[in-house]
Amino acid sequence: MTKISRADIAIDRSVKRRVALPPEVDADLQAYARLLSTDGEMVDPADLIVTMIERFMAGDRQFRQARRMERGARRRKPEGSGEGVATGAGAGADTTNGHPGNQDKA
């Protein structure tokens, strides 16, 4: 896993999502932001989330492979055929990502 530096933090507010974090995760996120804060310039913990998720997905080989296959299938689909690309849990995708907390959600 690669380290996140202050320069990596994206501060683009194009899409808003509400996420409920367990208190332990929120405390760790705030501690991480404090560690990245330098020279009195505080890093907003919410700004770290985008970078962390991007890095997580970029490091997930199965996800990248599925996205490439999905894009290829969309390019090959004839216009007006009405056939779509199946995605998500119903398409046989592993939605657990190996995380124990997601095992019962698949």
N, C-alpha and C. Protein backbone atom coordinates (compact mmCIF):
# COMPACT_ATOMS: atom_id res chain seq x y z
N MET A 1 0.85 -1.16 0.00
CA MET A 1 0.00 0.00 0.00
C MET A 1 0.90 1.23 0.00
N THR A 2 0.55 2.21 -0.81
CA THR A 2 1.37 3.41 -0.92
C THR A 2 0.98 4.43 0.14
N LYS A 3 1.92 5.27 0.50
CA LYS A 3 1.67 6.32 1.47
C LYS A 3 0.92 7.46 0.82
N ILE A 4 0.12 8.14 1.60
CA ILE A 4 -0.58 9.33 1.13
C ILE A 4 0.19 10.53 1.63
N SER A 5 0.47 11.44 0.73
CA SER A 5 1.14 12.67 1.13
C SER A 5 0.17 13.84 0.98
N ARG A 6 0.53 14.94 1.56
CA ARG A 6 -0.32 16.12 1.51
C ARG A 6 -0.62 16.53 0.06
N ALA A 7 0.33 16.37 -0.83
CA ALA A 7 0.13 16.75 -2.23
C ALA A 7 -0.88 15.86 -2.94
N ASP A 8 -1.13 14.67 -2.42
CA ASP A 8 -2.05 13.72 -3.04
C ASP A 8 -3.51 14.01 -2.74
N ILE A 9 -3.78 14.84 -1.76
CA ILE A 9 -5.15 15.04 -1.30
C ILE A 9 -5.93 15.86 -2.30
N ALA A 10 -6.99 15.24 -2.81
CA ALA A 10 -7.86 15.91 -3.78
C ALA A 10 -8.86 16.78 -3.03
N ILE A 11 -8.99 18.02 -3.45
CA ILE A 11 -9.96 18.91 -2.82
C ILE A 11 -10.95 19.36 -3.89
N ASP A 12 -11.55 18.39 -4.55
CA ASP A 12 -12.54 18.62 -5.58
C ASP A 12 -13.89 18.22 -5.01
N ARG A 13 -14.81 19.11 -5.00
CA ARG A 13 -16.10 18.87 -4.36
C ARG A 13 -17.20 18.65 -5.42
N SER A 14 -16.98 17.80 -6.42
CA SER A 14 -17.93 17.65 -7.49
C SER A 14 -19.15 16.81 -7.13
N VAL A 15 -19.02 15.80 -6.28
CA VAL A 15 -20.13 14.94 -5.89
C VAL A 15 -20.12 14.80 -4.38
N LYS A 16 -21.27 15.02 -3.78
CA LYS A 16 -21.37 14.88 -2.32
C LYS A 16 -22.03 13.54 -1.99
N ARG A 17 -21.46 12.85 -1.01
CA ARG A 17 -22.01 11.60 -0.50
C ARG A 17 -21.98 11.67 1.01
N ARG A 18 -22.99 11.12 1.64
CA ARG A 18 -23.00 11.05 3.10
C ARG A 18 -22.60 9.64 3.49
N VAL A 19 -21.65 9.54 4.40
CA VAL A 19 -21.16 8.25 4.85
C VAL A 19 -21.14 8.23 6.37
N ALA A 20 -21.67 7.17 6.95
CA ALA A 20 -21.62 7.01 8.40
C ALA A 20 -20.41 6.13 8.72
N LEU A 21 -19.52 6.65 9.53
CA LEU A 21 -18.32 5.92 9.92
C LEU A 21 -18.43 5.44 11.36
N PRO A 22 -17.93 4.25 11.64
CA PRO A 22 -17.87 3.84 13.04
C PRO A 22 -16.94 4.79 13.79
N PRO A 23 -17.18 5.01 15.07
CA PRO A 23 -16.37 5.96 15.84
C PRO A 23 -14.86 5.67 15.77
N GLU A 24 -14.49 4.39 15.77
CA GLU A 24 -13.07 4.03 15.72
C GLU A 24 -12.43 4.46 14.40
N VAL A 25 -13.17 4.28 13.30
CA VAL A 25 -12.65 4.66 11.99
C VAL A 25 -12.54 6.18 11.89
N ASP A 26 -13.55 6.88 12.41
CA ASP A 26 -13.51 8.35 12.39
C ASP A 26 -12.33 8.87 13.21
N ALA A 27 -12.09 8.27 14.37
CA ALA A 27 -10.96 8.69 15.21
C ALA A 27 -9.64 8.47 14.48
N ASP A 28 -9.51 7.33 13.80
CA ASP A 28 -8.29 7.06 13.03
C ASP A 28 -8.13 8.03 11.87
N LEU A 29 -9.24 8.35 11.20
CA LEU A 29 -9.19 9.30 10.09
C LEU A 29 -8.75 10.68 10.58
N GLN A 30 -9.27 11.11 11.71
CA GLN A 30 -8.88 12.40 12.27
C GLN A 30 -7.40 12.40 12.69
N ALA A 31 -6.95 11.29 13.25
CA ALA A 31 -5.54 11.18 13.64
C ALA A 31 -4.65 11.23 12.40
N TYR A 32 -5.07 10.56 11.33
CA TYR A 32 -4.31 10.56 10.08
C TYR A 32 -4.20 11.98 9.55
N ALA A 33 -5.32 12.73 9.57
CA ALA A 33 -5.32 14.11 9.10
C ALA A 33 -4.39 14.98 9.94
N ARG A 34 -4.39 14.77 11.27
CA ARG A 34 -3.49 15.54 12.13
C ARG A 34 -2.03 15.27 11.78
N LEU A 35 -1.71 14.02 11.48
CA LEU A 35 -0.33 13.66 11.15
C LEU A 35 0.12 14.29 9.82
N LEU A 36 -0.83 14.47 8.91
CA LEU A 36 -0.49 15.08 7.62
C LEU A 36 -0.47 16.61 7.69
N SER A 37 -1.07 17.17 8.70
CA SER A 37 -1.12 18.62 8.85
C SER A 37 0.27 19.15 9.21
N THR A 38 0.67 20.20 8.50
CA THR A 38 1.99 20.78 8.74
C THR A 38 1.89 22.29 8.77
N ASP A 39 2.83 22.92 9.44
CA ASP A 39 2.95 24.37 9.47
C ASP A 39 1.63 25.07 9.80
N GLY A 40 0.88 24.50 10.72
CA GLY A 40 -0.36 25.12 11.14
C GLY A 40 -1.49 25.00 10.14
N GLU A 41 -1.25 24.37 9.01
CA GLU A 41 -2.28 24.19 7.99
C GLU A 41 -2.92 22.83 8.18
N MET A 42 -4.16 22.83 8.66
CA MET A 42 -4.86 21.59 8.98
C MET A 42 -5.40 20.92 7.71
N VAL A 43 -5.31 19.61 7.68
CA VAL A 43 -5.91 18.81 6.62
C VAL A 43 -7.28 18.38 7.10
N ASP A 44 -8.29 18.60 6.27
CA ASP A 44 -9.65 18.19 6.60
C ASP A 44 -9.74 16.67 6.43
N PRO A 45 -10.16 15.94 7.46
CA PRO A 45 -10.27 14.49 7.34
C PRO A 45 -11.14 14.05 6.16
N ALA A 46 -12.18 14.81 5.86
CA ALA A 46 -13.06 14.46 4.75
C ALA A 46 -12.31 14.49 3.42
N ASP A 47 -11.32 15.36 3.29
CA ASP A 47 -10.55 15.44 2.05
C ASP A 47 -9.66 14.22 1.84
N LEU A 48 -9.36 13.51 2.90
CA LEU A 48 -8.54 12.30 2.78
C LEU A 48 -9.31 11.14 2.17
N ILE A 49 -10.61 11.13 2.37
CA ILE A 49 -11.42 9.98 1.97
C ILE A 49 -11.32 9.72 0.47
N VAL A 50 -11.38 10.76 -0.35
CA VAL A 50 -11.31 10.59 -1.81
C VAL A 50 -10.00 9.91 -2.20
N THR A 51 -8.90 10.42 -1.69
CA THR A 51 -7.60 9.86 -2.02
C THR A 51 -7.49 8.42 -1.56
N MET A 52 -8.00 8.14 -0.36
CA MET A 52 -7.93 6.78 0.16
C MET A 52 -8.75 5.82 -0.68
N ILE A 53 -9.94 6.22 -1.08
CA ILE A 53 -10.79 5.35 -1.90
C ILE A 53 -10.18 5.15 -3.28
N GLU A 54 -9.65 6.23 -3.87
CA GLU A 54 -8.98 6.09 -5.18
C GLU A 54 -7.84 5.10 -5.10
N ARG A 55 -7.02 5.21 -4.08
CA ARG A 55 -5.88 4.30 -3.91
C ARG A 55 -6.34 2.87 -3.69
N PHE A 56 -7.39 2.72 -2.89
CA PHE A 56 -7.92 1.39 -2.62
C PHE A 56 -8.39 0.73 -3.91
N MET A 57 -9.19 1.46 -4.70
CA MET A 57 -9.70 0.87 -5.94
C MET A 57 -8.60 0.64 -6.97
N ALA A 58 -7.62 1.56 -7.01
CA ALA A 58 -6.50 1.38 -7.95
C ALA A 58 -5.67 0.15 -7.58
N GLY A 59 -5.64 -0.21 -6.32
CA GLY A 59 -4.87 -1.36 -5.89
C GLY A 59 -5.64 -2.67 -5.95
N ASP A 60 -6.92 -2.61 -6.29
CA ASP A 60 -7.77 -3.81 -6.35
C ASP A 60 -7.73 -4.37 -7.77
N ARG A 61 -6.93 -5.39 -7.96
CA ARG A 61 -6.70 -5.96 -9.28
C ARG A 61 -8.00 -6.50 -9.90
N GLN A 62 -8.82 -7.18 -9.11
CA GLN A 62 -10.07 -7.73 -9.63
C GLN A 62 -11.01 -6.62 -10.08
N PHE A 63 -11.06 -5.54 -9.34
CA PHE A 63 -11.91 -4.41 -9.72
C PHE A 63 -11.45 -3.81 -11.04
N ARG A 64 -10.14 -3.58 -11.17
CA ARG A 64 -9.61 -3.00 -12.42
C ARG A 64 -9.91 -3.91 -13.60
N GLN A 65 -9.74 -5.21 -13.42
CA GLN A 65 -10.00 -6.16 -14.49
C GLN A 65 -11.49 -6.14 -14.88
N ALA A 66 -12.38 -6.12 -13.90
CA ALA A 66 -13.81 -6.07 -14.17
C ALA A 66 -14.18 -4.79 -14.92
N ARG A 67 -13.59 -3.66 -14.54
CA ARG A 67 -13.87 -2.40 -15.22
C ARG A 67 -13.41 -2.42 -16.67
N ARG A 68 -12.21 -3.02 -16.91
CA ARG A 68 -11.73 -3.13 -18.29
C ARG A 68 -12.68 -3.99 -19.12
N MET A 69 -13.12 -5.09 -18.55
CA MET A 69 -14.04 -5.97 -19.28
C MET A 69 -15.37 -5.27 -19.54
N GLU A 70 -15.86 -4.52 -18.56
CA GLU A 70 -17.11 -3.78 -18.71
C GLU A 70 -17.00 -2.74 -19.82
N ARG A 71 -15.90 -2.01 -19.84
CA ARG A 71 -15.70 -0.99 -20.88
C ARG A 71 -15.60 -1.64 -22.25
N GLY A 72 -14.90 -2.75 -22.34
CA GLY A 72 -14.78 -3.46 -23.62
C GLY A 72 -16.12 -3.97 -24.10
N ALA A 73 -16.94 -4.48 -23.21
CA ALA A 73 -18.26 -4.99 -23.57
C ALA A 73 -19.16 -3.85 -24.05
N ARG A 74 -19.05 -2.68 -23.43
CA ARG A 74 -19.85 -1.53 -23.86
C ARG A 74 -19.44 -1.07 -25.24
N ARG A 75 -18.14 -1.11 -25.53
CA ARG A 75 -17.67 -0.68 -26.86
C ARG A 75 -18.15 -1.62 -27.95
N ARG A 76 -18.23 -2.92 -27.63
CA ARG A 76 -18.63 -3.91 -28.62
C ARG A 76 -20.13 -4.00 -28.79
N LYS A 77 -20.92 -3.46 -27.87
CA LYS A 77 -22.37 -3.57 -27.92
C LYS A 77 -22.93 -2.79 -29.11
N PRO A 78 -23.69 -3.45 -29.98
CA PRO A 78 -24.30 -2.74 -31.12
C PRO A 78 -25.35 -1.76 -30.62
N GLU A 79 -25.43 -0.61 -31.28
CA GLU A 79 -26.41 0.40 -30.87
C GLU A 79 -27.82 -0.13 -31.07
N GLY A 80 -28.68 0.16 -30.09
CA GLY A 80 -30.08 -0.22 -30.19
C GLY A 80 -30.34 -1.69 -29.93
N SER A 81 -29.34 -2.45 -29.50
CA SER A 81 -29.55 -3.89 -29.28
C SER A 81 -30.34 -4.15 -28.02
N GLY A 82 -30.35 -3.17 -27.10
CA GLY A 82 -31.08 -3.34 -25.87
C GLY A 82 -30.40 -4.24 -24.86
N GLU A 83 -29.23 -4.75 -25.21
CA GLU A 83 -28.50 -5.61 -24.28
C GLU A 83 -27.52 -4.77 -23.50
N GLY A 84 -27.59 -4.86 -22.19
CA GLY A 84 -26.68 -4.11 -21.34
C GLY A 84 -25.64 -5.01 -20.73
N VAL A 85 -24.73 -4.40 -20.05
CA VAL A 85 -23.69 -5.13 -19.35
C VAL A 85 -24.15 -5.31 -17.91
N ALA A 86 -24.17 -6.54 -17.45
CA ALA A 86 -24.57 -6.80 -16.08
C ALA A 86 -23.45 -6.40 -15.14
N THR A 87 -23.79 -5.64 -14.13
CA THR A 87 -22.79 -5.23 -13.14
C THR A 87 -23.37 -5.39 -11.76
N GLY A 88 -22.53 -5.27 -10.76
CA GLY A 88 -22.98 -5.31 -9.38
C GLY A 88 -23.04 -6.72 -8.84
N ALA A 89 -23.68 -6.87 -7.68
CA ALA A 89 -23.71 -8.15 -6.98
C ALA A 89 -24.45 -9.21 -7.78
N GLY A 90 -25.45 -8.83 -8.57
CA GLY A 90 -26.20 -9.80 -9.34
C GLY A 90 -25.44 -10.34 -10.52
N ALA A 91 -24.32 -9.76 -10.87
CA ALA A 91 -23.55 -10.18 -12.02
C ALA A 91 -22.45 -11.15 -11.64
N GLY A 92 -22.51 -11.69 -10.45
CA GLY A 92 -21.49 -12.63 -10.03
C GLY A 92 -20.23 -11.97 -9.52
N ALA A 93 -20.30 -10.68 -9.28
CA ALA A 93 -19.12 -9.96 -8.79
C ALA A 93 -18.93 -10.24 -7.31
N ASP A 94 -17.69 -10.32 -6.88
CA ASP A 94 -17.38 -10.48 -5.47
C ASP A 94 -17.43 -9.11 -4.82
N THR A 95 -18.50 -8.85 -4.06
CA THR A 95 -18.67 -7.52 -3.47
C THR A 95 -18.04 -7.42 -2.10
N THR A 96 -17.44 -8.50 -1.61
CA THR A 96 -16.87 -8.46 -0.27
C THR A 96 -15.50 -7.84 -0.25
N ASN A 97 -14.76 -7.85 -1.37
CA ASN A 97 -13.40 -7.32 -1.44
C ASN A 97 -12.50 -7.91 -0.38
N GLY A 98 -12.86 -9.09 0.12
CA GLY A 98 -12.02 -9.75 1.11
C GLY A 98 -12.08 -9.14 2.49
N HIS A 99 -12.93 -8.16 2.70
CA HIS A 99 -13.03 -7.49 4.00
C HIS A 99 -14.01 -8.27 4.87
N PRO A 100 -13.59 -8.68 6.07
CA PRO A 100 -14.43 -9.49 6.93
C PRO A 100 -15.77 -8.82 7.26
N GLY A 101 -15.80 -7.50 7.35
CA GLY A 101 -17.03 -6.81 7.67
C GLY A 101 -18.05 -6.85 6.54
N ASN A 102 -17.63 -7.25 5.36
CA ASN A 102 -18.52 -7.29 4.20
C ASN A 102 -19.01 -8.70 3.88
N GLN A 103 -18.59 -9.70 4.62
CA GLN A 103 -18.90 -11.07 4.28
C GLN A 103 -20.40 -11.35 4.26
N ASP A 104 -21.15 -10.76 5.19
CA ASP A 104 -22.58 -11.07 5.23
C ASP A 104 -23.39 -10.15 4.34
N LYS A 105 -22.76 -9.22 3.64
CA LYS A 105 -23.46 -8.29 2.78
C LYS A 105 -23.51 -8.75 1.33
N ALA A 106 -22.76 -9.77 1.00
CA ALA A 106 -22.69 -10.22 -0.39
C ALA A 106 -23.92 -10.98 -0.77
